[in-house]
Structures are given as structure tokens and as C-alpha cells.
Amino acid sequence: MAPKNPLAVSVRTARPGEAVPPLPDADLTHARTTDPDGSFVARDAEGRVVGTASAAVREDTLLLLALDVGAAHRGKGAGRALLAAARAYGAARGARALEVLAPDEPSALAFFLGAGLSLRALVLGMEAGAAPLGPRAPARGGPLALVGPGAPLSGWIAALDRETRGFARPRDWGRMAADGHVVALKRGGRPVALGAWHEEASGTATALGPIAAKTPEAAADLLPLLAARSSGKRLSLALPTEARTLLLAAGALGFRAVSTRALLADRRHGDLRRYAGGGGRFF
């Protein structure tokens, strides 16, 4: 359906230093910096900014990190023009799928569903106090192994992430490994789960994840071990509702849902039963 009273909109790649709203998460900001040409600005006929968008490519998937159109200009085609620019950017870099984590808000969901995406998963943002955490069963498989920055991030780490999530993010794992915040749970000498955590700048909270695992049970075994490494007073985590084993493990640790978002995609891939995001995000 054509937008009512369409705007005369021009969309172009954001120039270095041009005002693009900051992303609310350090890892999303990092994703933007690794794909500087994935930020776009929409302007009306008078040159006024009416909307912005940011996207990043990870192997065969385009992640739409942000898309925002001013309230006075919504429903007039600016959002669709920004989305089309992001899709063209992804296609030029080999992306064959699009994913976006959208707020659980009717107009946002209607926009993306109307653009051809479908619901991939309902994602719960969860929080818990770091002390005391709920009862912890001993994790199976022995101690965690720290994954250093010299690890072959395009090898087993990327392969495990691709198997779980549907695409690999070696650059993002590398950033967390450089901070000393990536560990592997091994059984029989082989890694069965990989997890990371991020301390917020304030030092009072820790975002757990991502977690990628061979099985849901391995992901659940890793979760309390990650929580135990936190020095913050509050923990955050993002879980898909289909990850029942992980949800039960999070509940035993005292996590409670505080927000809901929808992960939408134009192609289903990956197994989110074995995956957890970090800090209320999923990218």
C-alpha cells in the first residue's frame, strides 16, 4: 500500500561526523564502526533530516541495528526508503537475509511485517541481582577455558556461532576476547559452549552473553558459570522464548523478565534454543 501524502525523500550514506543518533549499547556502536558505510540519512525536499538508519553485515546476514523516523514524518515513505537503502547495502556485500530486533510496539511491528519480515522469536530482556543468585547445580564438563585474542576466531568459534545463530560474527567475538571476557566450556577436550560477558562502564552491572552452544543443556550449564564471573550488582540477559532449557536455568538464578522485543527476519536459520544474547539485545 502506498504511503499517504508521501514525502519527497532522498536517502544517502551518512558522512563522517554527520549527526547520527548514538546507539544505546556499546556492542551495537562497535557494529556500526565496523560497517561505517551502513549508516544512512533521509532528508526531505528542504534538506531537513527526517530519519536515520544503521545496518551491519555479518557473513550472509544484514543486521538492521536502528531505524528511526521523526514522529511528524512517519507513514509517508521515509522508513521504507531507509530500509531499501539498508537492504541494497547488504545485498552489495553478499547478505542474503535481514534481521532486526524491534520493540514490542504495534506500529514498529506493523512496519516490518508490512516490509516482508516475519516473527523469528520473541525475546525477553531479563535481569537479576548478582548476589545472592539462586541455587546453582555444579556445571558438568570441567572448568572453563579462557579464550584469548589469539584464538582462531574464524575457526571453531565462528562455526559454533553460525551453527547456533545462523551466521558468524568473528569480529565481535574478537573484541570480547581481547577484553578477556570469552570462555569455553569443554567436555572430553572439545568445546561444547562458548560464552561472553560485558561489564558496563559504571561497573555496577554485567550483561551476560552471547552464549552459543552445541546443545540447550550445554548452554544452561554455562550460564551460572558466566554469572559467577560478574563483579556487578545487577545482571542482564536476553533469551528467546523458545530457549526453554535456558529460561529454566535463568529462572533458577533469579532472573525475571523486564522487557519484550521481537526478533524479525526474512529467512529462518539457526537454532535459538541454544543461544542467549547479552544485555537485552540479540546482535
C-alpha atoms as a PDB file:
ATOM      1  CA  MET A   1       0.000   0.000   0.000  1.00  0.00           C
ATOM      2  CA  ALA A   2       1.358   3.421  -0.983  1.00  0.00           C
ATOM      3  CA  PRO A   3       2.029   5.842   1.894  1.00  0.00           C
ATOM      4  CA  LYS A   4      -0.401   8.686   2.386  1.00  0.00           C
ATOM      5  CA  ASN A   5       0.925  12.126   1.456  1.00  0.00           C
ATOM      6  CA  PRO A   6       4.373  10.745   0.575  1.00  0.00           C
ATOM      7  CA  LEU A   7       7.429  12.842   1.302  1.00  0.00           C
ATOM      8  CA  ALA A   8       9.955  13.803  -1.331  1.00  0.00           C
ATOM      9  CA  VAL A   9      12.769  11.958   0.420  1.00  0.00           C
ATOM     10  CA  SER A  10      16.394  11.450  -0.546  1.00  0.00           C
ATOM     11  CA  VAL A  11      18.486   8.831   1.265  1.00  0.00           C
ATOM     12  CA  ARG A  12      22.275   8.684   1.261  1.00  0.00           C
ATOM     13  CA  THR A  13      25.102   7.207   3.286  1.00  0.00           C
ATOM     14  CA  ALA A  14      25.880   9.267   6.374  1.00  0.00           C
ATOM     15  CA  ARG A  15      29.088  11.269   6.035  1.00  0.00           C
ATOM     16  CA  PRO A  16      31.880  11.030   8.646  1.00  0.00           C
ATOM     17  CA  GLY A  17      30.980  13.231  11.585  1.00  0.00           C
ATOM     18  CA  GLU A  18      27.388  13.722  10.442  1.00  0.00           C
ATOM     19  CA  ALA A  19      24.874  13.718  13.273  1.00  0.00           C
ATOM     20  CA  VAL A  20      23.501  10.178  13.554  1.00  0.00           C
ATOM     21  CA  PRO A  21      21.844   9.305  16.877  1.00  0.00           C
ATOM     22  CA  PRO A  22      24.098   7.173  19.107  1.00  0.00           C
ATOM     23  CA  LEU A  23      23.162   3.557  19.605  1.00  0.00           C
ATOM     24  CA  PRO A  24      22.208   2.611  23.175  1.00  0.00           C
ATOM     25  CA  ASP A  25      24.690  -0.236  23.524  1.00  0.00           C
ATOM     26  CA  ALA A  26      28.498  -0.332  23.251  1.00  0.00           C
ATOM     27  CA  ASP A  27      28.446  -3.520  21.172  1.00  0.00           C
ATOM     28  CA  LEU A  28      25.911  -2.064  18.743  1.00  0.00           C
ATOM     29  CA  THR A  29      28.104   1.020  18.455  1.00  0.00           C
ATOM     30  CA  HIS A  30      31.030  -1.282  17.689  1.00  0.00           C
ATOM     31  CA  ALA A  31      28.961  -2.982  14.983  1.00  0.00           C
ATOM     32  CA  ARG A  32      28.304   0.413  13.451  1.00  0.00           C
ATOM     33  CA  THR A  33      32.005   1.319  13.451  1.00  0.00           C
ATOM     34  CA  THR A  34      32.893  -1.950  11.682  1.00  0.00           C
ATOM     35  CA  ASP A  35      30.375  -1.070   8.952  1.00  0.00           C
ATOM     36  CA  PRO A  36      30.708   2.719   8.609  1.00  0.00           C
ATOM     37  CA  ASP A  37      29.009   2.730   5.213  1.00  0.00           C
ATOM     38  CA  GLY A  38      25.925   1.116   6.735  1.00  0.00           C
ATOM     39  CA  SER A  39      24.568   4.353   8.267  1.00  0.00           C
ATOM     40  CA  PHE A  40      22.008   6.325   6.270  1.00  0.00           C
ATOM     41  CA  VAL A  41      20.284   9.690   6.494  1.00  0.00           C
ATOM     42  CA  ALA A  42      16.934  10.588   4.924  1.00  0.00           C
ATOM     43  CA  ARG A  43      16.223  14.241   4.122  1.00  0.00           C
ATOM     44  CA  ASP A  44      13.131  15.978   2.809  1.00  0.00           C
ATOM     45  CA  ALA A  45      12.996  18.374  -0.137  1.00  0.00           C
ATOM     46  CA  GLU A  46      14.179  21.238   2.108  1.00  0.00           C
ATOM     47  CA  GLY A  47      17.195  19.263   3.287  1.00  0.00           C
ATOM     48  CA  ARG A  48      15.892  18.567   6.780  1.00  0.00           C
ATOM     49  CA  VAL A  49      16.740  15.217   8.373  1.00  0.00           C
ATOM     50  CA  VAL A  50      13.558  13.165   8.728  1.00  0.00           C
ATOM     51  CA  GLY A  51      15.072   9.786   9.604  1.00  0.00           C
ATOM     52  CA  THR A  52      18.201   7.690  10.048  1.00  0.00           C
ATOM     53  CA  ALA A  53      19.145   4.027   9.857  1.00  0.00           C
ATOM     54  CA  SER A  54      22.174   1.887  10.697  1.00  0.00           C
ATOM     55  CA  ALA A  55      22.984  -1.629   9.489  1.00  0.00           C
ATOM     56  CA  ALA A  56      25.885  -4.077   9.687  1.00  0.00           C
ATOM     57  CA  VAL A  57      26.714  -7.185   7.664  1.00  0.00           C
ATOM     58  CA  ARG A  58      27.751 -10.420   9.374  1.00  0.00           C
ATOM     59  CA  GLU A  59      28.593 -13.074   6.792  1.00  0.00           C
ATOM     60  CA  ASP A  60      25.329 -13.686   4.916  1.00  0.00           C
ATOM     61  CA  THR A  61      23.061 -11.627   7.179  1.00  0.00           C
ATOM     62  CA  LEU A  62      22.253  -7.932   7.278  1.00  0.00           C
ATOM     63  CA  LEU A  63      21.544  -6.722  10.816  1.00  0.00           C
ATOM     64  CA  LEU A  64      19.360  -3.641  10.978  1.00  0.00           C
ATOM     65  CA  LEU A  65      20.739  -2.007  14.125  1.00  0.00           C
ATOM     66  CA  ALA A  66      18.462   1.036  14.167  1.00  0.00           C
ATOM     67  CA  LEU A  67      15.802   2.730  12.070  1.00  0.00           C
ATOM     68  CA  ASP A  68      14.125   5.893  13.275  1.00  0.00           C
ATOM     69  CA  VAL A  69      11.824   8.363  11.563  1.00  0.00           C
ATOM     70  CA  GLY A  70      10.628  11.550  13.218  1.00  0.00           C
ATOM     71  CA  ALA A  71       7.075  11.293  14.538  1.00  0.00           C
ATOM     72  CA  ALA A  72       5.789  14.011  12.193  1.00  0.00           C
ATOM     73  CA  HIS A  73       7.126  12.180   9.131  1.00  0.00           C
ATOM     74  CA  ARG A  74       6.038   8.598   9.799  1.00  0.00           C
ATOM     75  CA  GLY A  75       3.758   6.783   7.387  1.00  0.00           C
ATOM     76  CA  LYS A  76       4.951   8.856   4.433  1.00  0.00           C
ATOM     77  CA  GLY A  77       7.617   6.599   2.936  1.00  0.00           C
ATOM     78  CA  ALA A  78      10.774   7.701   4.750  1.00  0.00           C
ATOM     79  CA  GLY A  79      11.059   4.444   6.703  1.00  0.00           C
ATOM     80  CA  ARG A  80      10.639   2.329   3.590  1.00  0.00           C
ATOM     81  CA  ALA A  81      13.257   4.405   1.756  1.00  0.00           C
ATOM     82  CA  LEU A  82      15.742   3.921   4.609  1.00  0.00           C
ATOM     83  CA  LEU A  83      15.027   0.192   4.749  1.00  0.00           C
ATOM     84  CA  ALA A  84      15.512  -0.095   0.992  1.00  0.00           C
ATOM     85  CA  ALA A  85      18.881   1.663   1.265  1.00  0.00           C
ATOM     86  CA  ALA A  86      19.974  -0.676   4.051  1.00  0.00           C
ATOM     87  CA  ARG A  87      18.881  -3.721   2.051  1.00  0.00           C
ATOM     88  CA  ALA A  88      20.803  -2.517  -1.008  1.00  0.00           C
ATOM     89  CA  TYR A  89      23.873  -2.029   1.172  1.00  0.00           C
ATOM     90  CA  GLY A  90      23.575  -5.594   2.465  1.00  0.00           C
ATOM     91  CA  ALA A  91      22.963  -7.093  -0.973  1.00  0.00           C
ATOM     92  CA  ALA A  92      26.081  -5.383  -2.336  1.00  0.00           C
ATOM     93  CA  ARG A  93      28.082  -7.143   0.414  1.00  0.00           C
ATOM     94  CA  GLY A  94      26.619 -10.579  -0.111  1.00  0.00           C
ATOM     95  CA  ALA A  95      23.891 -10.575   2.546  1.00  0.00           C
ATOM     96  CA  ARG A  96      21.012 -12.926   1.748  1.00  0.00           C
ATOM     97  CA  ALA A  97      18.937 -12.391   4.890  1.00  0.00           C
ATOM     98  CA  LEU A  98      17.757  -9.478   7.010  1.00  0.00           C
ATOM     99  CA  GLU A  99      17.219  -9.459  10.778  1.00  0.00           C
ATOM    100  CA  VAL A 100      16.003  -6.735  13.115  1.00  0.00           C
ATOM    101  CA  LEU A 101      15.281  -6.642  16.833  1.00  0.00           C
ATOM    102  CA  ALA A 102      12.191  -4.451  17.107  1.00  0.00           C
ATOM    103  CA  PRO A 103      10.420  -3.106  20.187  1.00  0.00           C
ATOM    104  CA  ASP A 104       7.154  -4.799  21.081  1.00  0.00           C
ATOM    105  CA  GLU A 105       5.203  -1.818  19.783  1.00  0.00           C
ATOM    106  CA  PRO A 106       2.340  -2.124  17.279  1.00  0.00           C
ATOM    107  CA  SER A 107       3.449   0.469  14.729  1.00  0.00           C
ATOM    108  CA  ALA A 108       7.037  -0.844  14.601  1.00  0.00           C
ATOM    109  CA  LEU A 109       5.867  -4.433  14.203  1.00  0.00           C
ATOM    110  CA  ALA A 110       3.341  -3.445  11.546  1.00  0.00           C
ATOM    111  CA  PHE A 111       6.036  -1.611   9.600  1.00  0.00           C
ATOM    112  CA  PHE A 112       8.442  -4.554   9.494  1.00  0.00           C
ATOM    113  CA  LEU A 113       5.736  -7.148   8.875  1.00  0.00           C
ATOM    114  CA  GLY A 114       4.495  -4.980   6.017  1.00  0.00           C
ATOM    115  CA  ALA A 115       8.039  -4.901   4.640  1.00  0.00           C
ATOM    116  CA  GLY A 116       8.038  -8.691   4.279  1.00  0.00           C
ATOM    117  CA  LEU A 117       9.678  -9.804   7.521  1.00  0.00           C
ATOM    118  CA  SER A 118       8.172 -12.418   9.821  1.00  0.00           C
ATOM    119  CA  LEU A 119       8.471 -13.123  13.516  1.00  0.00           C
ATOM    120  CA  ARG A 120      11.569 -15.216  14.216  1.00  0.00           C
ATOM    121  CA  ALA A 121      11.388 -15.197  18.021  1.00  0.00           C
ATOM    122  CA  LEU A 122      10.028 -13.294  20.970  1.00  0.00           C
ATOM    123  CA  VAL A 123      12.998 -12.087  23.016  1.00  0.00           C
ATOM    124  CA  LEU A 124      12.782 -11.483  26.757  1.00  0.00           C
ATOM    125  CA  GLY A 125      15.075  -8.945  28.371  1.00  0.00           C
ATOM    126  CA  MET A 126      15.851 -10.341  31.818  1.00  0.00           C
ATOM    127  CA  GLU A 127      17.538  -9.001  34.940  1.00  0.00           C
ATOM    128  CA  ALA A 128      18.749 -10.421  38.247  1.00  0.00           C
ATOM    129  CA  GLY A 129      20.605  -9.188  41.270  1.00  0.00           C
ATOM    130  CA  ALA A 130      24.157 -10.536  41.269  1.00  0.00           C
ATOM    131  CA  ALA A 131      24.000 -11.502  44.960  1.00  0.00           C
ATOM    132  CA  PRO A 132      22.515 -13.694  46.026  1.00  0.00           C
ATOM    133  CA  LEU A 133      21.859 -15.666  42.875  1.00  0.00           C
ATOM    134  CA  GLY A 134      19.556 -18.641  43.063  1.00  0.00           C
ATOM    135  CA  PRO A 135      20.775 -22.191  43.700  1.00  0.00           C
ATOM    136  CA  ARG A 136      23.436 -23.427  41.333  1.00  0.00           C
ATOM    137  CA  ALA A 137      23.946 -27.018  40.313  1.00  0.00           C
ATOM    138  CA  PRO A 138      27.594 -27.881  39.595  1.00  0.00           C
ATOM    139  CA  ALA A 139      28.313 -27.452  35.907  1.00  0.00           C
ATOM    140  CA  ARG A 140      29.237 -30.591  34.017  1.00  0.00           C
ATOM    141  CA  GLY A 141      32.329 -30.902  31.899  1.00  0.00           C
ATOM    142  CA  GLY A 142      35.103 -29.377  33.984  1.00  0.00           C
ATOM    143  CA  PRO A 143      36.383 -25.820  34.390  1.00  0.00           C
ATOM    144  CA  LEU A 144      36.024 -23.040  31.863  1.00  0.00           C
ATOM    145  CA  ALA A 145      38.834 -22.278  29.450  1.00  0.00           C
ATOM    146  CA  LEU A 146      39.607 -18.628  28.764  1.00  0.00           C
ATOM    147  CA  VAL A 147      39.528 -17.827  25.048  1.00  0.00           C
ATOM    148  CA  GLY A 148      42.345 -15.413  24.309  1.00  0.00           C
ATOM    149  CA  PRO A 149      42.543 -12.849  21.496  1.00  0.00           C
ATOM    150  CA  GLY A 150      44.883 -15.140  19.572  1.00  0.00           C
ATOM    151  CA  ALA A 151      42.242 -17.844  19.170  1.00  0.00           C
ATOM    152  CA  PRO A 152      41.191 -18.767  15.617  1.00  0.00           C
ATOM    153  CA  LEU A 153      38.053 -16.644  15.690  1.00  0.00           C
ATOM    154  CA  SER A 154      37.200 -17.612  12.129  1.00  0.00           C
ATOM    155  CA  GLY A 155      37.516 -21.310  13.044  1.00  0.00           C
ATOM    156  CA  TRP A 156      35.559 -23.250  15.676  1.00  0.00           C
ATOM    157  CA  ILE A 157      34.276 -20.115  17.390  1.00  0.00           C
ATOM    158  CA  ALA A 158      32.720 -18.786  14.209  1.00  0.00           C
ATOM    159  CA  ALA A 159      31.491 -22.252  13.276  1.00  0.00           C
ATOM    160  CA  LEU A 160      29.741 -22.707  16.615  1.00  0.00           C
ATOM    161  CA  ASP A 161      28.167 -19.264  16.379  1.00  0.00           C
ATOM    162  CA  ARG A 162      26.998 -19.994  12.841  1.00  0.00           C
ATOM    163  CA  GLU A 163      25.563 -23.367  13.860  1.00  0.00           C
ATOM    164  CA  THR A 164      23.608 -21.778  16.691  1.00  0.00           C
ATOM    165  CA  ARG A 165      22.683 -18.374  15.398  1.00  0.00           C
ATOM    166  CA  GLY A 166      22.760 -18.862  11.654  1.00  0.00           C
ATOM    167  CA  PHE A 167      25.747 -16.658  10.820  1.00  0.00           C
ATOM    168  CA  ALA A 168      29.202 -15.946  12.233  1.00  0.00           C
ATOM    169  CA  ARG A 169      30.446 -12.811  13.960  1.00  0.00           C
ATOM    170  CA  PRO A 170      34.224 -13.330  14.306  1.00  0.00           C
ATOM    171  CA  ARG A 171      34.919  -9.607  14.586  1.00  0.00           C
ATOM    172  CA  ASP A 172      32.550  -9.269  17.528  1.00  0.00           C
ATOM    173  CA  TRP A 173      33.859 -12.336  19.331  1.00  0.00           C
ATOM    174  CA  GLY A 174      37.358 -10.964  18.764  1.00  0.00           C
ATOM    175  CA  ARG A 175      36.507  -7.709  20.501  1.00  0.00           C
ATOM    176  CA  MET A 176      35.223  -9.526  23.576  1.00  0.00           C
ATOM    177  CA  ALA A 177      38.157 -11.953  23.583  1.00  0.00           C
ATOM    178  CA  ALA A 178      40.558  -9.003  23.568  1.00  0.00           C
ATOM    179  CA  ASP A 179      38.890  -7.826  26.786  1.00  0.00           C
ATOM    180  CA  GLY A 180      39.403 -11.265  28.354  1.00  0.00           C
ATOM    181  CA  HIS A 181      35.653 -11.862  28.521  1.00  0.00           C
ATOM    182  CA  VAL A 182      35.161 -15.000  26.410  1.00  0.00           C
ATOM    183  CA  VAL A 183      35.246 -18.516  27.868  1.00  0.00           C
ATOM    184  CA  ALA A 184      34.614 -22.004  26.543  1.00  0.00           C
ATOM    185  CA  LEU A 185      33.051 -24.957  28.345  1.00  0.00           C
ATOM    186  CA  LYS A 186      34.725 -28.183  27.220  1.00  0.00           C
ATOM    187  CA  ARG A 187      33.811 -31.843  27.524  1.00  0.00           C
ATOM    188  CA  GLY A 188      36.262 -34.542  26.520  1.00  0.00           C
ATOM    189  CA  GLY A 189      38.641 -31.806  25.439  1.00  0.00           C
ATOM    190  CA  ARG A 190      36.154 -30.389  22.939  1.00  0.00           C
ATOM    191  CA  PRO A 191      34.289 -27.076  23.307  1.00  0.00           C
ATOM    192  CA  VAL A 192      30.539 -27.544  23.721  1.00  0.00           C
ATOM    193  CA  ALA A 193      29.600 -23.974  24.662  1.00  0.00           C
ATOM    194  CA  LEU A 194      31.040 -20.520  24.243  1.00  0.00           C
ATOM    195  CA  GLY A 195      30.055 -17.506  26.307  1.00  0.00           C
ATOM    196  CA  ALA A 196      30.937 -13.882  26.894  1.00  0.00           C
ATOM    197  CA  TRP A 197      30.069 -11.093  29.293  1.00  0.00           C
ATOM    198  CA  HIS A 198      30.455  -7.342  29.332  1.00  0.00           C
ATOM    199  CA  GLU A 199      30.891  -5.045  32.322  1.00  0.00           C
ATOM    200  CA  GLU A 200      29.042  -1.759  31.923  1.00  0.00           C
ATOM    201  CA  ALA A 201      31.096   1.401  32.222  1.00  0.00           C
ATOM    202  CA  SER A 202      29.551   2.208  35.607  1.00  0.00           C
ATOM    203  CA  GLY A 203      30.900  -1.060  36.993  1.00  0.00           C
ATOM    204  CA  THR A 204      27.566  -1.828  38.662  1.00  0.00           C
ATOM    205  CA  ALA A 205      26.038  -4.133  36.058  1.00  0.00           C
ATOM    206  CA  THR A 206      27.083  -7.011  33.819  1.00  0.00           C
ATOM    207  CA  ALA A 207      25.488  -8.120  30.553  1.00  0.00           C
ATOM    208  CA  LEU A 208      25.757 -11.891  30.156  1.00  0.00           C
ATOM    209  CA  GLY A 209      26.070 -13.356  26.668  1.00  0.00           C
ATOM    210  CA  PRO A 210      26.156 -14.102  23.929  1.00  0.00           C
ATOM    211  CA  ILE A 211      26.147 -17.824  24.629  1.00  0.00           C
ATOM    212  CA  ALA A 212      26.424 -20.262  21.731  1.00  0.00           C
ATOM    213  CA  ALA A 213      26.297 -23.994  22.481  1.00  0.00           C
ATOM    214  CA  LYS A 214      26.110 -27.406  20.868  1.00  0.00           C
ATOM    215  CA  THR A 215      23.008 -28.278  22.898  1.00  0.00           C
ATOM    216  CA  PRO A 216      20.487 -26.382  25.057  1.00  0.00           C
ATOM    217  CA  GLU A 217      21.813 -28.269  28.089  1.00  0.00           C
ATOM    218  CA  ALA A 218      25.371 -27.087  27.445  1.00  0.00           C
ATOM    219  CA  ALA A 219      24.152 -23.502  27.193  1.00  0.00           C
ATOM    220  CA  ALA A 220      22.302 -23.891  30.503  1.00  0.00           C
ATOM    221  CA  ASP A 221      25.426 -25.347  32.149  1.00  0.00           C
ATOM    222  CA  LEU A 222      27.472 -22.343  31.038  1.00  0.00           C
ATOM    223  CA  LEU A 223      25.025 -19.684  32.216  1.00  0.00           C
ATOM    224  CA  PRO A 224      25.685 -19.912  36.002  1.00  0.00           C
ATOM    225  CA  LEU A 225      29.422 -20.051  35.389  1.00  0.00           C
ATOM    226  CA  LEU A 226      29.227 -16.790  33.469  1.00  0.00           C
ATOM    227  CA  ALA A 227      27.086 -15.256  36.210  1.00  0.00           C
ATOM    228  CA  ALA A 228      29.681 -16.225  38.806  1.00  0.00           C
ATOM    229  CA  ARG A 229      32.320 -14.170  36.975  1.00  0.00           C
ATOM    230  CA  SER A 230      30.341 -10.946  37.333  1.00  0.00           C
ATOM    231  CA  SER A 231      31.541  -8.241  39.689  1.00  0.00           C
ATOM    232  CA  GLY A 232      28.466  -6.044  39.185  1.00  0.00           C
ATOM    233  CA  LYS A 233      25.423  -5.730  41.403  1.00  0.00           C
ATOM    234  CA  ARG A 234      22.974  -6.448  38.585  1.00  0.00           C
ATOM    235  CA  LEU A 235      22.931  -8.948  35.709  1.00  0.00           C
ATOM    236  CA  SER A 236      21.135  -8.656  32.379  1.00  0.00           C
ATOM    237  CA  LEU A 237      20.422 -11.250  29.720  1.00  0.00           C
ATOM    238  CA  ALA A 238      18.300 -11.677  26.597  1.00  0.00           C
ATOM    239  CA  LEU A 239      16.623 -15.002  25.874  1.00  0.00           C
ATOM    240  CA  PRO A 240      14.318 -16.212  23.095  1.00  0.00           C
ATOM    241  CA  THR A 241      11.112 -17.726  24.399  1.00  0.00           C
ATOM    242  CA  GLU A 242      11.857 -20.952  22.504  1.00  0.00           C
ATOM    243  CA  ALA A 243      15.023 -21.485  24.616  1.00  0.00           C
ATOM    244  CA  ARG A 244      13.107 -23.302  27.356  1.00  0.00           C
ATOM    245  CA  THR A 245      16.111 -25.009  28.924  1.00  0.00           C
ATOM    246  CA  LEU A 246      17.946 -21.697  29.185  1.00  0.00           C
ATOM    247  CA  LEU A 247      14.839 -19.967  30.541  1.00  0.00           C
ATOM    248  CA  LEU A 248      14.549 -22.539  33.314  1.00  0.00           C
ATOM    249  CA  ALA A 249      18.240 -22.120  34.150  1.00  0.00           C
ATOM    250  CA  ALA A 250      17.865 -18.330  34.221  1.00  0.00           C
ATOM    251  CA  GLY A 251      14.814 -18.597  36.475  1.00  0.00           C
ATOM    252  CA  ALA A 252      16.780 -20.765  38.923  1.00  0.00           C
ATOM    253  CA  LEU A 253      19.373 -17.983  39.096  1.00  0.00           C
ATOM    254  CA  GLY A 254      16.734 -15.400  39.974  1.00  0.00           C
ATOM    255  CA  PHE A 255      16.321 -13.776  36.536  1.00  0.00           C
ATOM    256  CA  ARG A 256      12.964 -12.167  35.811  1.00  0.00           C
ATOM    257  CA  ALA A 257      11.662 -10.752  32.523  1.00  0.00           C
ATOM    258  CA  VAL A 258      11.611  -6.948  32.395  1.00  0.00           C
ATOM    259  CA  SER A 259      11.066  -6.246  28.677  1.00  0.00           C
ATOM    260  CA  THR A 260       9.909  -7.866  25.456  1.00  0.00           C
ATOM    261  CA  ARG A 261      11.203  -7.387  21.913  1.00  0.00           C
ATOM    262  CA  ALA A 262      10.526  -9.153  18.644  1.00  0.00           C
ATOM    263  CA  LEU A 263      13.275 -10.624  16.507  1.00  0.00           C
ATOM    264  CA  LEU A 264      12.066 -10.412  12.901  1.00  0.00           C
ATOM    265  CA  ALA A 265      13.699 -11.891   9.827  1.00  0.00           C
ATOM    266  CA  ASP A 266      13.042 -12.629   6.189  1.00  0.00           C
ATOM    267  CA  ARG A 267      14.657 -16.068   6.444  1.00  0.00           C
ATOM    268  CA  ARG A 268      14.628 -18.588   9.271  1.00  0.00           C
ATOM    269  CA  HIS A 269      18.009 -20.035  10.178  1.00  0.00           C
ATOM    270  CA  GLY A 270      19.952 -21.003  13.274  1.00  0.00           C
ATOM    271  CA  ASP A 271      18.733 -22.707  16.443  1.00  0.00           C
ATOM    272  CA  LEU A 272      17.862 -20.141  19.102  1.00  0.00           C
ATOM    273  CA  ARG A 273      17.130 -22.864  21.669  1.00  0.00           C
ATOM    274  CA  ARG A 274      20.904 -22.939  22.160  1.00  0.00           C
ATOM    275  CA  TYR A 275      21.571 -19.226  22.099  1.00  0.00           C
ATOM    276  CA  ALA A 276      21.400 -16.282  24.527  1.00  0.00           C
ATOM    277  CA  GLY A 277      22.019 -12.645  23.784  1.00  0.00           C
ATOM    278  CA  GLY A 278      23.543 -10.119  26.140  1.00  0.00           C
ATOM    279  CA  GLY A 279      22.245  -7.000  27.792  1.00  0.00           C
ATOM    280  CA  GLY A 280      18.734  -7.147  26.354  1.00  0.00           C
ATOM    281  CA  ARG A 281      19.989  -7.232  22.770  1.00  0.00           C
ATOM    282  CA  PHE A 282      20.439 -10.012  20.256  1.00  0.00           C
ATOM    283  CA  PHE A 283      23.073  -8.789  17.818  1.00  0.00           C
END
